[in-house]
Amino acid sequence: MYLLRFGDNIHKTMRVKEVIPGSRISWYVEDSLIAIPTLKNQKEWIGTTIVWEMEQNESSGLLRLTHVGLQPSIECYEVCSVGWEQFISSLKLFLETGKGNPYLKNGI
């Protein structure tokens, strides 16, 4: 089990659900807090699964992220989607330059 923290107000406890080396890993969210005052349900990630899929060939690689359960019908969809976009952009920057920028100014 892993506890991940994103800034001071957001944390997740995740269990590794599946590992296929070099191909796929998935994390099941067992506990979660998204302490953003405007959200009524700050624990919406509980019970969702984050899936990372990797493909590589001789000249390039592809990393695909799917957050199963993060759907437009849930309250945090917009803010969480923006957060994932920021995180993925930061990861790309880190892989290309060795330095990322995983957090937005407001800690999300």
PDB file of N, CA and C in Angstrom:
ATOM      1  N   MET A   1       0.839  -1.161   0.000  1.00  0.00           N
ATOM      2  CA  MET A   1       0.000   0.000   0.000  1.00  0.00           C
ATOM      3  C   MET A   1       0.890   1.232   0.000  1.00  0.00           C
ATOM      4  N   TYR A   2       0.479   2.247  -0.725  1.00  0.00           N
ATOM      5  CA  TYR A   2       1.270   3.455  -0.861  1.00  0.00           C
ATOM      6  C   TYR A   2       0.421   4.663  -0.507  1.00  0.00           C
ATOM      7  N   LEU A   3       0.999   5.611   0.202  1.00  0.00           N
ATOM      8  CA  LEU A   3       0.345   6.879   0.483  1.00  0.00           C
ATOM      9  C   LEU A   3       1.021   7.923  -0.388  1.00  0.00           C
ATOM     10  N   LEU A   4       0.245   8.554  -1.248  1.00  0.00           N
ATOM     11  CA  LEU A   4       0.768   9.586  -2.130  1.00  0.00           C
ATOM     12  C   LEU A   4       0.212  10.921  -1.689  1.00  0.00           C
ATOM     13  N   ARG A   5       1.048  11.933  -1.677  1.00  0.00           N
ATOM     14  CA  ARG A   5       0.598  13.274  -1.328  1.00  0.00           C
ATOM     15  C   ARG A   5       0.866  14.203  -2.504  1.00  0.00           C
ATOM     16  N   PHE A   6      -0.110  15.034  -2.802  1.00  0.00           N
ATOM     17  CA  PHE A   6      -0.006  16.045  -3.841  1.00  0.00           C
ATOM     18  C   PHE A   6      -0.231  17.385  -3.153  1.00  0.00           C
ATOM     19  N   GLY A   7       0.827  18.064  -2.764  1.00  0.00           N
ATOM     20  CA  GLY A   7       0.685  19.306  -2.015  1.00  0.00           C
ATOM     21  C   GLY A   7       0.262  19.008  -0.586  1.00  0.00           C
ATOM     22  N   ASP A   8      -0.199  20.024   0.127  1.00  0.00           N
ATOM     23  CA  ASP A   8      -0.558  19.863   1.540  1.00  0.00           C
ATOM     24  C   ASP A   8      -1.978  19.367   1.749  1.00  0.00           C
ATOM     25  N   ASN A   9      -2.865  19.602   0.797  1.00  0.00           N
ATOM     26  CA  ASN A   9      -4.284  19.359   1.014  1.00  0.00           C
ATOM     27  C   ASN A   9      -4.858  18.162   0.261  1.00  0.00           C
ATOM     28  N   ILE A  10      -4.029  17.424  -0.410  1.00  0.00           N
ATOM     29  CA  ILE A  10      -4.534  16.325  -1.222  1.00  0.00           C
ATOM     30  C   ILE A  10      -3.685  15.091  -0.935  1.00  0.00           C
ATOM     31  N   HIS A  11      -4.339  13.995  -0.551  1.00  0.00           N
ATOM     32  CA  HIS A  11      -3.604  12.750  -0.389  1.00  0.00           C
ATOM     33  C   HIS A  11      -4.454  11.575  -0.858  1.00  0.00           C
ATOM     34  N   LYS A  12      -3.786  10.508  -1.186  1.00  0.00           N
ATOM     35  CA  LYS A  12      -4.423   9.271  -1.648  1.00  0.00           C
ATOM     36  C   LYS A  12      -3.695   8.097  -1.014  1.00  0.00           C
ATOM     37  N   THR A  13      -4.436   7.087  -0.628  1.00  0.00           N
ATOM     38  CA  THR A  13      -3.841   5.822  -0.236  1.00  0.00           C
ATOM     39  C   THR A  13      -4.234   4.833  -1.323  1.00  0.00           C
ATOM     40  N   MET A  14      -3.232   4.251  -1.975  1.00  0.00           N
ATOM     41  CA  MET A  14      -3.489   3.374  -3.112  1.00  0.00           C
ATOM     42  C   MET A  14      -2.829   2.026  -2.896  1.00  0.00           C
ATOM     43  N   ARG A  15      -3.480   1.017  -3.414  1.00  0.00           N
ATOM     44  CA  ARG A  15      -2.934  -0.334  -3.389  1.00  0.00           C
ATOM     45  C   ARG A  15      -2.624  -0.720  -4.831  1.00  0.00           C
ATOM     46  N   VAL A  16      -1.449  -1.297  -5.034  1.00  0.00           N
ATOM     47  CA  VAL A  16      -1.105  -1.778  -6.374  1.00  0.00           C
ATOM     48  C   VAL A  16      -2.024  -2.961  -6.666  1.00  0.00           C
ATOM     49  N   LYS A  17      -2.791  -2.836  -7.706  1.00  0.00           N
ATOM     50  CA  LYS A  17      -3.801  -3.832  -8.070  1.00  0.00           C
ATOM     51  C   LYS A  17      -3.259  -4.819  -9.105  1.00  0.00           C
ATOM     52  N   GLU A  18      -2.454  -4.312 -10.036  1.00  0.00           N
ATOM     53  CA  GLU A  18      -1.950  -5.150 -11.130  1.00  0.00           C
ATOM     54  C   GLU A  18      -0.618  -4.604 -11.612  1.00  0.00           C
ATOM     55  N   VAL A  19       0.311  -5.499 -11.903  1.00  0.00           N
ATOM     56  CA  VAL A  19       1.589  -5.110 -12.486  1.00  0.00           C
ATOM     57  C   VAL A  19       1.927  -6.082 -13.602  1.00  0.00           C
ATOM     58  N   ILE A  20       2.144  -5.547 -14.782  1.00  0.00           N
ATOM     59  CA  ILE A  20       2.687  -6.294 -15.907  1.00  0.00           C
ATOM     60  C   ILE A  20       3.944  -5.524 -16.304  1.00  0.00           C
ATOM     61  N   PRO A  21       5.133  -5.990 -15.877  1.00  0.00           N
ATOM     62  CA  PRO A  21       6.368  -5.227 -16.090  1.00  0.00           C
ATOM     63  C   PRO A  21       6.529  -4.736 -17.532  1.00  0.00           C
ATOM     64  N   GLY A  22       6.857  -3.447 -17.647  1.00  0.00           N
ATOM     65  CA  GLY A  22       7.092  -2.833 -18.951  1.00  0.00           C
ATOM     66  C   GLY A  22       5.843  -2.604 -19.771  1.00  0.00           C
ATOM     67  N   SER A  23       4.654  -2.900 -19.198  1.00  0.00           N
ATOM     68  CA  SER A  23       3.440  -2.799 -19.980  1.00  0.00           C
ATOM     69  C   SER A  23       2.301  -2.073 -19.268  1.00  0.00           C
ATOM     70  N   ARG A  24       2.059  -2.434 -17.999  1.00  0.00           N
ATOM     71  CA  ARG A  24       0.858  -1.914 -17.333  1.00  0.00           C
ATOM     72  C   ARG A  24       1.003  -1.993 -15.817  1.00  0.00           C
ATOM     73  N   ILE A  25       0.492  -0.959 -15.140  1.00  0.00           N
ATOM     74  CA  ILE A  25       0.364  -0.986 -13.686  1.00  0.00           C
ATOM     75  C   ILE A  25      -0.946  -0.283 -13.342  1.00  0.00           C
ATOM     76  N   SER A  26      -1.644  -0.809 -12.342  1.00  0.00           N
ATOM     77  CA  SER A  26      -2.866  -0.140 -11.909  1.00  0.00           C
ATOM     78  C   SER A  26      -2.874  -0.011 -10.394  1.00  0.00           C
ATOM     79  N   TRP A  27      -3.425   1.116  -9.945  1.00  0.00           N
ATOM     80  CA  TRP A  27      -3.517   1.435  -8.521  1.00  0.00           C
ATOM     81  C   TRP A  27      -4.992   1.570  -8.161  1.00  0.00           C
ATOM     82  N   TYR A  28      -5.412   0.927  -7.080  1.00  0.00           N
ATOM     83  CA  TYR A  28      -6.771   1.046  -6.565  1.00  0.00           C
ATOM     84  C   TYR A  28      -6.755   2.058  -5.420  1.00  0.00           C
ATOM     85  N   VAL A  29      -7.612   3.071  -5.467  1.00  0.00           N
ATOM     86  CA  VAL A  29      -7.647   4.117  -4.448  1.00  0.00           C
ATOM     87  C   VAL A  29      -8.492   3.640  -3.265  1.00  0.00           C
ATOM     88  N   GLU A  30      -7.822   3.402  -2.137  1.00  0.00           N
ATOM     89  CA  GLU A  30      -8.504   2.927  -0.936  1.00  0.00           C
ATOM     90  C   GLU A  30      -8.947   4.060  -0.022  1.00  0.00           C
ATOM     91  N   ASP A  31      -8.218   5.175  -0.019  1.00  0.00           N
ATOM     92  CA  ASP A  31      -8.590   6.338   0.769  1.00  0.00           C
ATOM     93  C   ASP A  31      -8.157   7.572  -0.010  1.00  0.00           C
ATOM     94  N   SER A  32      -8.837   8.672   0.226  1.00  0.00           N
ATOM     95  CA  SER A  32      -8.562   9.865  -0.555  1.00  0.00           C
ATOM     96  C   SER A  32      -9.096  11.091   0.163  1.00  0.00           C
ATOM     97  N   LEU A  33      -8.385  12.189   0.025  1.00  0.00           N
ATOM     98  CA  LEU A  33      -8.882  13.481   0.491  1.00  0.00           C
ATOM     99  C   LEU A  33      -8.437  14.542  -0.507  1.00  0.00           C
ATOM    100  N   ILE A  34      -9.404  15.232  -1.058  1.00  0.00           N
ATOM    101  CA  ILE A  34      -9.133  16.373  -1.933  1.00  0.00           C
ATOM    102  C   ILE A  34      -9.702  17.580  -1.187  1.00  0.00           C
ATOM    103  N   ALA A  35      -8.900  18.181  -0.324  1.00  0.00           N
ATOM    104  CA  ALA A  35      -9.366  19.239   0.578  1.00  0.00           C
ATOM    105  C   ALA A  35      -9.443  20.584  -0.132  1.00  0.00           C
ATOM    106  N   ILE A  36     -10.367  20.663  -1.049  1.00  0.00           N
ATOM    107  CA  ILE A  36     -10.658  21.909  -1.753  1.00  0.00           C
ATOM    108  C   ILE A  36     -12.016  22.363  -1.229  1.00  0.00           C
ATOM    109  N   PRO A  37     -12.076  23.519  -0.574  1.00  0.00           N
ATOM    110  CA  PRO A  37     -13.306  23.942   0.110  1.00  0.00           C
ATOM    111  C   PRO A  37     -14.571  23.935  -0.748  1.00  0.00           C
ATOM    112  N   THR A  38     -14.451  24.165  -2.042  1.00  0.00           N
ATOM    113  CA  THR A  38     -15.642  24.209  -2.895  1.00  0.00           C
ATOM    114  C   THR A  38     -16.205  22.831  -3.208  1.00  0.00           C
ATOM    115  N   LEU A  39     -15.460  21.760  -2.929  1.00  0.00           N
ATOM    116  CA  LEU A  39     -15.955  20.403  -3.191  1.00  0.00           C
ATOM    117  C   LEU A  39     -16.767  19.905  -2.004  1.00  0.00           C
ATOM    118  N   LYS A  40     -17.981  19.460  -2.249  1.00  0.00           N
ATOM    119  CA  LYS A  40     -18.816  18.886  -1.189  1.00  0.00           C
ATOM    120  C   LYS A  40     -18.359  17.475  -0.846  1.00  0.00           C
ATOM    121  N   ASN A  41     -17.985  16.704  -1.868  1.00  0.00           N
ATOM    122  CA  ASN A  41     -17.518  15.331  -1.652  1.00  0.00           C
ATOM    123  C   ASN A  41     -16.014  15.286  -1.915  1.00  0.00           C
ATOM    124  N   GLN A  42     -15.238  15.405  -0.861  1.00  0.00           N
ATOM    125  CA  GLN A  42     -13.787  15.462  -0.995  1.00  0.00           C
ATOM    126  C   GLN A  42     -13.142  14.079  -1.020  1.00  0.00           C
ATOM    127  N   LYS A  43     -13.952  13.039  -1.071  1.00  0.00           N
ATOM    128  CA  LYS A  43     -13.428  11.669  -1.065  1.00  0.00           C
ATOM    129  C   LYS A  43     -13.869  10.895  -2.307  1.00  0.00           C
ATOM    130  N   GLU A  44     -14.167  11.589  -3.378  1.00  0.00           N
ATOM    131  CA  GLU A  44     -14.712  10.948  -4.583  1.00  0.00           C
ATOM    132  C   GLU A  44     -13.783   9.938  -5.252  1.00  0.00           C
ATOM    133  N   TRP A  45     -12.507  10.030  -4.998  1.00  0.00           N
ATOM    134  CA  TRP A  45     -11.590   9.093  -5.650  1.00  0.00           C
ATOM    135  C   TRP A  45     -11.649   7.693  -5.038  1.00  0.00           C
ATOM    136  N   ILE A  46     -12.181   7.552  -3.840  1.00  0.00           N
ATOM    137  CA  ILE A  46     -12.221   6.233  -3.192  1.00  0.00           C
ATOM    138  C   ILE A  46     -12.995   5.267  -4.080  1.00  0.00           C
ATOM    139  N   GLY A  47     -12.382   4.121  -4.346  1.00  0.00           N
ATOM    140  CA  GLY A  47     -12.995   3.101  -5.196  1.00  0.00           C
ATOM    141  C   GLY A  47     -12.675   3.242  -6.673  1.00  0.00           C
ATOM    142  N   THR A  48     -11.918   4.271  -7.049  1.00  0.00           N
ATOM    143  CA  THR A  48     -11.515   4.422  -8.445  1.00  0.00           C
ATOM    144  C   THR A  48     -10.177   3.718  -8.674  1.00  0.00           C
ATOM    145  N   THR A  49      -9.819   3.541  -9.920  1.00  0.00           N
ATOM    146  CA  THR A  49      -8.566   2.863 -10.285  1.00  0.00           C
ATOM    147  C   THR A  49      -7.814   3.711 -11.298  1.00  0.00           C
ATOM    148  N   ILE A  50      -6.523   3.853 -11.063  1.00  0.00           N
ATOM    149  CA  ILE A  50      -5.653   4.604 -11.971  1.00  0.00           C
ATOM    150  C   ILE A  50      -4.790   3.589 -12.717  1.00  0.00           C
ATOM    151  N   VAL A  51      -4.883   3.617 -14.037  1.00  0.00           N
ATOM    152  CA  VAL A  51      -4.185   2.636 -14.880  1.00  0.00           C
ATOM    153  C   VAL A  51      -3.160   3.350 -15.745  1.00  0.00           C
ATOM    154  N   TRP A  52      -1.913   2.880 -15.654  1.00  0.00           N
ATOM    155  CA  TRP A  52      -0.826   3.371 -16.501  1.00  0.00           C
ATOM    156  C   TRP A  52      -0.484   2.253 -17.488  1.00  0.00           C
ATOM    157  N   GLU A  53      -0.533   2.555 -18.785  1.00  0.00           N
ATOM    158  CA  GLU A  53      -0.160   1.580 -19.815  1.00  0.00           C
ATOM    159  C   GLU A  53       1.008   2.142 -20.614  1.00  0.00           C
ATOM    160  N   MET A  54       2.003   1.290 -20.845  1.00  0.00           N
ATOM    161  CA  MET A  54       3.213   1.713 -21.532  1.00  0.00           C
ATOM    162  C   MET A  54       3.424   0.889 -22.802  1.00  0.00           C
ATOM    163  N   GLU A  55       3.821   1.569 -23.857  1.00  0.00           N
ATOM    164  CA  GLU A  55       4.198   0.903 -25.102  1.00  0.00           C
ATOM    165  C   GLU A  55       5.527   1.500 -25.533  1.00  0.00           C
ATOM    166  N   GLN A  56       6.407   0.665 -26.031  1.00  0.00           N
ATOM    167  CA  GLN A  56       7.695   1.173 -26.484  1.00  0.00           C
ATOM    168  C   GLN A  56       8.106   0.444 -27.744  1.00  0.00           C
ATOM    169  N   ASN A  57       8.672   1.207 -28.687  1.00  0.00           N
ATOM    170  CA  ASN A  57       9.301   0.601 -29.857  1.00  0.00           C
ATOM    171  C   ASN A  57      10.725   1.129 -29.934  1.00  0.00           C
ATOM    172  N   GLU A  58      11.406   0.886 -31.022  1.00  0.00           N
ATOM    173  CA  GLU A  58      12.819   1.256 -31.121  1.00  0.00           C
ATOM    174  C   GLU A  58      13.070   2.753 -30.993  1.00  0.00           C
ATOM    175  N   SER A  59      12.139   3.588 -31.480  1.00  0.00           N
ATOM    176  CA  SER A  59      12.426   5.019 -31.525  1.00  0.00           C
ATOM    177  C   SER A  59      11.548   5.878 -30.605  1.00  0.00           C
ATOM    178  N   SER A  60      10.534   5.313 -29.995  1.00  0.00           N
ATOM    179  CA  SER A  60       9.663   6.142 -29.165  1.00  0.00           C
ATOM    180  C   SER A  60       8.912   5.303 -28.132  1.00  0.00           C
ATOM    181  N   GLY A  61       8.225   5.992 -27.274  1.00  0.00           N
ATOM    182  CA  GLY A  61       7.418   5.325 -26.268  1.00  0.00           C
ATOM    183  C   GLY A  61       6.105   6.057 -26.083  1.00  0.00           C
ATOM    184  N   LEU A  62       5.127   5.357 -25.540  1.00  0.00           N
ATOM    185  CA  LEU A  62       3.821   5.930 -25.281  1.00  0.00           C
ATOM    186  C   LEU A  62       3.411   5.547 -23.868  1.00  0.00           C
ATOM    187  N   LEU A  63       2.967   6.528 -23.100  1.00  0.00           N
ATOM    188  CA  LEU A  63       2.447   6.297 -21.757  1.00  0.00           C
ATOM    189  C   LEU A  63       1.007   6.780 -21.753  1.00  0.00           C
ATOM    190  N   ARG A  64       0.090   5.881 -21.439  1.00  0.00           N
ATOM    191  CA  ARG A  64      -1.336   6.210 -21.428  1.00  0.00           C
ATOM    192  C   ARG A  64      -1.846   6.117 -19.990  1.00  0.00           C
ATOM    193  N   LEU A  65      -2.558   7.140 -19.547  1.00  0.00           N
ATOM    194  CA  LEU A  65      -3.156   7.176 -18.219  1.00  0.00           C
ATOM    195  C   LEU A  65      -4.671   7.141 -18.364  1.00  0.00           C
ATOM    196  N   THR A  66      -5.293   6.226 -17.636  1.00  0.00           N
ATOM    197  CA  THR A  66      -6.748   6.170 -17.579  1.00  0.00           C
ATOM    198  C   THR A  66      -7.144   6.155 -16.109  1.00  0.00           C
ATOM    199  N   HIS A  67      -7.991   7.087 -15.715  1.00  0.00           N
ATOM    200  CA  HIS A  67      -8.499   7.105 -14.339  1.00  0.00           C
ATOM    201  C   HIS A  67      -9.925   6.554 -14.391  1.00  0.00           C
ATOM    202  N   VAL A  68     -10.047   5.267 -14.130  1.00  0.00           N
ATOM    203  CA  VAL A  68     -11.332   4.583 -14.192  1.00  0.00           C
ATOM    204  C   VAL A  68     -12.184   5.048 -13.009  1.00  0.00           C
ATOM    205  N   GLY A  69     -13.325   5.622 -13.303  1.00  0.00           N
ATOM    206  CA  GLY A  69     -14.206   6.145 -12.271  1.00  0.00           C
ATOM    207  C   GLY A  69     -14.228   7.662 -12.218  1.00  0.00           C
ATOM    208  N   LEU A  70     -13.251   8.314 -12.834  1.00  0.00           N
ATOM    209  CA  LEU A  70     -13.258   9.779 -12.924  1.00  0.00           C
ATOM    210  C   LEU A  70     -14.076  10.129 -14.163  1.00  0.00           C
ATOM    211  N   GLN A  71     -15.348  10.416 -13.941  1.00  0.00           N
ATOM    212  CA  GLN A  71     -16.297  10.653 -15.025  1.00  0.00           C
ATOM    213  C   GLN A  71     -16.886  12.048 -14.910  1.00  0.00           C
ATOM    214  N   PRO A  72     -17.371  12.610 -16.021  1.00  0.00           N
ATOM    215  CA  PRO A  72     -17.938  13.969 -15.980  1.00  0.00           C
ATOM    216  C   PRO A  72     -19.074  14.142 -14.963  1.00  0.00           C
ATOM    217  N   SER A  73     -19.700  13.071 -14.556  1.00  0.00           N
ATOM    218  CA  SER A  73     -20.831  13.187 -13.627  1.00  0.00           C
ATOM    219  C   SER A  73     -20.404  13.399 -12.173  1.00  0.00           C
ATOM    220  N   ILE A  74     -19.119  13.246 -11.844  1.00  0.00           N
ATOM    221  CA  ILE A  74     -18.710  13.441 -10.451  1.00  0.00           C
ATOM    222  C   ILE A  74     -18.233  14.881 -10.241  1.00  0.00           C
ATOM    223  N   GLU A  75     -18.381  15.341  -9.021  1.00  0.00           N
ATOM    224  CA  GLU A  75     -18.145  16.749  -8.698  1.00  0.00           C
ATOM    225  C   GLU A  75     -16.731  17.229  -9.022  1.00  0.00           C
ATOM    226  N   CYS A  76     -15.713  16.419  -8.740  1.00  0.00           N
ATOM    227  CA  CYS A  76     -14.329  16.882  -8.915  1.00  0.00           C
ATOM    228  C   CYS A  76     -13.796  16.690 -10.332  1.00  0.00           C
ATOM    229  N   TYR A  77     -14.646  16.266 -11.260  1.00  0.00           N
ATOM    230  CA  TYR A  77     -14.161  15.916 -12.599  1.00  0.00           C
ATOM    231  C   TYR A  77     -13.319  17.026 -13.230  1.00  0.00           C
ATOM    232  N   GLU A  78     -13.830  18.245 -13.233  1.00  0.00           N
ATOM    233  CA  GLU A  78     -13.112  19.330 -13.910  1.00  0.00           C
ATOM    234  C   GLU A  78     -11.776  19.633 -13.239  1.00  0.00           C
ATOM    235  N   VAL A  79     -11.792  19.840 -11.924  1.00  0.00           N
ATOM    236  CA  VAL A  79     -10.550  20.183 -11.222  1.00  0.00           C
ATOM    237  C   VAL A  79      -9.558  19.012 -11.264  1.00  0.00           C
ATOM    238  N   CYS A  80     -10.058  17.782 -11.174  1.00  0.00           N
ATOM    239  CA  CYS A  80      -9.164  16.616 -11.216  1.00  0.00           C
ATOM    240  C   CYS A  80      -8.595  16.405 -12.618  1.00  0.00           C
ATOM    241  N   SER A  81      -9.395  16.647 -13.634  1.00  0.00           N
ATOM    242  CA  SER A  81      -8.891  16.528 -15.013  1.00  0.00           C
ATOM    243  C   SER A  81      -7.771  17.528 -15.269  1.00  0.00           C
ATOM    244  N   VAL A  82      -7.955  18.766 -14.800  1.00  0.00           N
ATOM    245  CA  VAL A  82      -6.913  19.788 -14.930  1.00  0.00           C
ATOM    246  C   VAL A  82      -5.663  19.350 -14.165  1.00  0.00           C
ATOM    247  N   GLY A  83      -5.857  18.777 -12.983  1.00  0.00           N
ATOM    248  CA  GLY A  83      -4.727  18.284 -12.195  1.00  0.00           C
ATOM    249  C   GLY A  83      -3.956  17.197 -12.919  1.00  0.00           C
ATOM    250  N   TRP A  84      -4.680  16.239 -13.509  1.00  0.00           N
ATOM    251  CA  TRP A  84      -3.999  15.179 -14.268  1.00  0.00           C
ATOM    252  C   TRP A  84      -3.261  15.750 -15.473  1.00  0.00           C
ATOM    253  N   GLU A  85      -3.866  16.715 -16.163  1.00  0.00           N
ATOM    254  CA  GLU A  85      -3.186  17.344 -17.306  1.00  0.00           C
ATOM    255  C   GLU A  85      -1.889  18.005 -16.857  1.00  0.00           C
ATOM    256  N   GLN A  86      -1.922  18.710 -15.726  1.00  0.00           N
ATOM    257  CA  GLN A  86      -0.725  19.351 -15.186  1.00  0.00           C
ATOM    258  C   GLN A  86       0.333  18.310 -14.847  1.00  0.00           C
ATOM    259  N   PHE A  87      -0.095  17.230 -14.192  1.00  0.00           N
ATOM    260  CA  PHE A  87       0.836  16.190 -13.778  1.00  0.00           C
ATOM    261  C   PHE A  87       1.489  15.507 -14.986  1.00  0.00           C
ATOM    262  N   ILE A  88       0.701  15.177 -15.996  1.00  0.00           N
ATOM    263  CA  ILE A  88       1.233  14.516 -17.194  1.00  0.00           C
ATOM    264  C   ILE A  88       2.175  15.456 -17.952  1.00  0.00           C
ATOM    265  N   SER A  89       1.821  16.731 -18.054  1.00  0.00           N
ATOM    266  CA  SER A  89       2.716  17.708 -18.697  1.00  0.00           C
ATOM    267  C   SER A  89       4.030  17.801 -17.939  1.00  0.00           C
ATOM    268  N   SER A  90       3.949  17.782 -16.615  1.00  0.00           N
ATOM    269  CA  SER A  90       5.152  17.833 -15.783  1.00  0.00           C
ATOM    270  C   SER A  90       6.005  16.586 -15.982  1.00  0.00           C
ATOM    271  N   LEU A  91       5.364  15.429 -16.059  1.00  0.00           N
ATOM    272  CA  LEU A  91       6.089  14.179 -16.278  1.00  0.00           C
ATOM    273  C   LEU A  91       6.821  14.202 -17.623  1.00  0.00           C
ATOM    274  N   LYS A  92       6.144  14.686 -18.655  1.00  0.00           N
ATOM    275  CA  LYS A  92       6.770  14.811 -19.978  1.00  0.00           C
ATOM    276  C   LYS A  92       7.984  15.737 -19.905  1.00  0.00           C
ATOM    277  N   LEU A  93       7.811  16.880 -19.250  1.00  0.00           N
ATOM    278  CA  LEU A  93       8.913  17.827 -19.090  1.00  0.00           C
ATOM    279  C   LEU A  93      10.075  17.194 -18.320  1.00  0.00           C
ATOM    280  N   PHE A  94       9.752  16.455 -17.272  1.00  0.00           N
ATOM    281  CA  PHE A  94      10.787  15.788 -16.483  1.00  0.00           C
ATOM    282  C   PHE A  94      11.557  14.771 -17.328  1.00  0.00           C
ATOM    283  N   LEU A  95      10.845  13.987 -18.124  1.00  0.00           N
ATOM    284  CA  LEU A  95      11.515  12.984 -18.959  1.00  0.00           C
ATOM    285  C   LEU A  95      12.386  13.629 -20.031  1.00  0.00           C
ATOM    286  N   GLU A  96      11.977  14.789 -20.522  1.00  0.00           N
ATOM    287  CA  GLU A  96      12.730  15.475 -21.572  1.00  0.00           C
ATOM    288  C   GLU A  96      13.874  16.321 -21.037  1.00  0.00           C
ATOM    289  N   THR A  97      13.728  16.885 -19.823  1.00  0.00           N
ATOM    290  CA  THR A  97      14.714  17.853 -19.334  1.00  0.00           C
ATOM    291  C   THR A  97      15.334  17.499 -17.985  1.00  0.00           C
ATOM    292  N   GLY A  98      14.729  16.547 -17.272  1.00  0.00           N
ATOM    293  CA  GLY A  98      15.214  16.201 -15.938  1.00  0.00           C
ATOM    294  C   GLY A  98      14.615  17.050 -14.840  1.00  0.00           C
ATOM    295  N   LYS A  99      13.707  17.973 -15.204  1.00  0.00           N
ATOM    296  CA  LYS A  99      13.061  18.823 -14.205  1.00  0.00           C
ATOM    297  C   LYS A  99      11.595  19.011 -14.591  1.00  0.00           C
ATOM    298  N   GLY A 100      10.706  18.659 -13.655  1.00  0.00           N
ATOM    299  CA  GLY A 100       9.277  18.805 -13.909  1.00  0.00           C
ATOM    300  C   GLY A 100       8.679  19.946 -13.108  1.00  0.00           C
ATOM    301  N   ASN A 101       7.378  20.113 -13.227  1.00  0.00           N
ATOM    302  CA  ASN A 101       6.631  21.139 -12.506  1.00  0.00           C
ATOM    303  C   ASN A 101       5.264  20.543 -12.149  1.00  0.00           C
ATOM    304  N   PRO A 102       5.234  19.622 -11.151  1.00  0.00           N
ATOM    305  CA  PRO A 102       4.010  18.840 -10.926  1.00  0.00           C
ATOM    306  C   PRO A 102       2.852  19.567 -10.270  1.00  0.00           C
ATOM    307  N   TYR A 103       3.058  20.720  -9.665  1.00  0.00           N
ATOM    308  CA  TYR A 103       1.987  21.375  -8.923  1.00  0.00           C
ATOM    309  C   TYR A 103       1.623  22.725  -9.514  1.00  0.00           C
ATOM    310  N   LEU A 104       0.349  23.000  -9.558  1.00  0.00           N
ATOM    311  CA  LEU A 104      -0.113  24.329  -9.928  1.00  0.00           C
ATOM    312  C   LEU A 104       0.094  25.241  -8.722  1.00  0.00           C
ATOM    313  N   LYS A 105       0.017  26.509  -8.903  1.00  0.00           N
ATOM    314  CA  LYS A 105       0.259  27.463  -7.820  1.00  0.00           C
ATOM    315  C   LYS A 105      -0.687  27.279  -6.634  1.00  0.00           C
ATOM    316  N   ASN A 106      -1.927  26.845  -6.870  1.00  0.00           N
ATOM    317  CA  ASN A 106      -2.879  26.699  -5.781  1.00  0.00           C
ATOM    318  C   ASN A 106      -2.792  25.327  -5.099  1.00  0.00           C
ATOM    319  N   GLY A 107      -1.770  24.515  -5.427  1.00  0.00           N
ATOM    320  CA  GLY A 107      -1.559  23.253  -4.760  1.00  0.00           C
ATOM    321  C   GLY A 107      -2.294  22.068  -5.345  1.00  0.00           C
ATOM    322  N   ILE A 108      -3.007  22.265  -6.418  1.00  0.00           N
ATOM    323  CA  ILE A 108      -3.754  21.163  -7.029  1.00  0.00           C
ATOM    324  C   ILE A 108      -2.848  20.437  -8.001  1.00  0.00           C
TER     325      ILE A 108
END
